[in-house]
Amino acid sequence: MSIVDIMLWPGTAICRMFGVDSEKDMGLIRSMFNMLVYLTVMLVVLWMFM
């Protein structure tokens, strides 16, 4: 498993959970889910250290 696969895993898992093919739309849905996951994680981390 490469680093890219690890970074894209949250979006892939969410797409699989919803039954959406993440390869059909060139990964745009997977990117959106990754952005939401990483945004939430980063906001929590920033909130903890501020």
Protein backbone atom coordinates (compact mmCIF):
# COMPACT_ATOMS: atom_id res chain seq x y z
CA MET A 1 0.00 0.00 0.00
CA SER A 2 1.47 3.33 -1.03
CA ILE A 3 1.20 6.67 0.76
CA VAL A 4 -1.31 7.90 -1.83
CA ASP A 5 -3.57 4.89 -1.17
CA ILE A 6 -3.38 5.60 2.56
CA MET A 7 -4.28 9.28 2.07
CA LEU A 8 -7.21 8.46 -0.24
CA TRP A 9 -8.54 5.64 1.96
CA PRO A 10 -11.18 7.68 3.88
CA GLY A 11 -12.87 8.85 0.69
CA THR A 12 -12.70 5.39 -0.85
CA ALA A 13 -14.23 3.81 2.25
CA ILE A 14 -17.07 6.34 2.35
CA CYS A 15 -17.77 5.86 -1.38
CA ARG A 16 -17.85 2.10 -0.85
CA MET A 17 -20.22 2.54 2.10
CA PHE A 18 -22.64 4.58 -0.06
CA GLY A 19 -22.24 2.23 -3.01
CA VAL A 20 -20.74 4.89 -5.28
CA ASP A 21 -18.07 4.02 -7.84
CA SER A 22 -15.30 6.50 -7.05
CA GLU A 23 -13.51 5.85 -10.36
CA LYS A 24 -16.45 6.82 -12.59
CA ASP A 25 -16.26 10.58 -12.11
CA MET A 26 -12.44 10.73 -12.09
CA GLY A 27 -12.39 10.67 -8.29
CA LEU A 28 -14.30 13.91 -7.66
CA ILE A 29 -16.69 12.37 -5.15
CA ARG A 30 -13.80 10.63 -3.38
CA SER A 31 -11.94 13.96 -3.28
CA MET A 32 -14.93 15.70 -1.73
CA PHE A 33 -15.21 13.06 0.99
CA ASN A 34 -11.46 13.22 1.63
CA MET A 35 -11.65 17.00 1.90
CA LEU A 36 -14.48 16.79 4.44
CA VAL A 37 -12.67 14.15 6.51
CA TYR A 38 -9.32 15.96 6.53
CA LEU A 39 -10.97 19.36 7.14
CA THR A 40 -12.71 17.96 10.20
CA VAL A 41 -9.54 16.34 11.49
CA MET A 42 -7.46 19.49 10.98
CA LEU A 43 -10.06 21.72 12.62
CA VAL A 44 -10.15 19.45 15.67
CA VAL A 45 -6.34 19.41 15.84
CA LEU A 46 -6.18 23.20 15.54
CA TRP A 47 -8.90 23.61 18.15
CA MET A 48 -6.97 21.38 20.56
CA PHE A 49 -3.73 23.37 20.20
CA MET A 50 -5.17 26.87 20.20
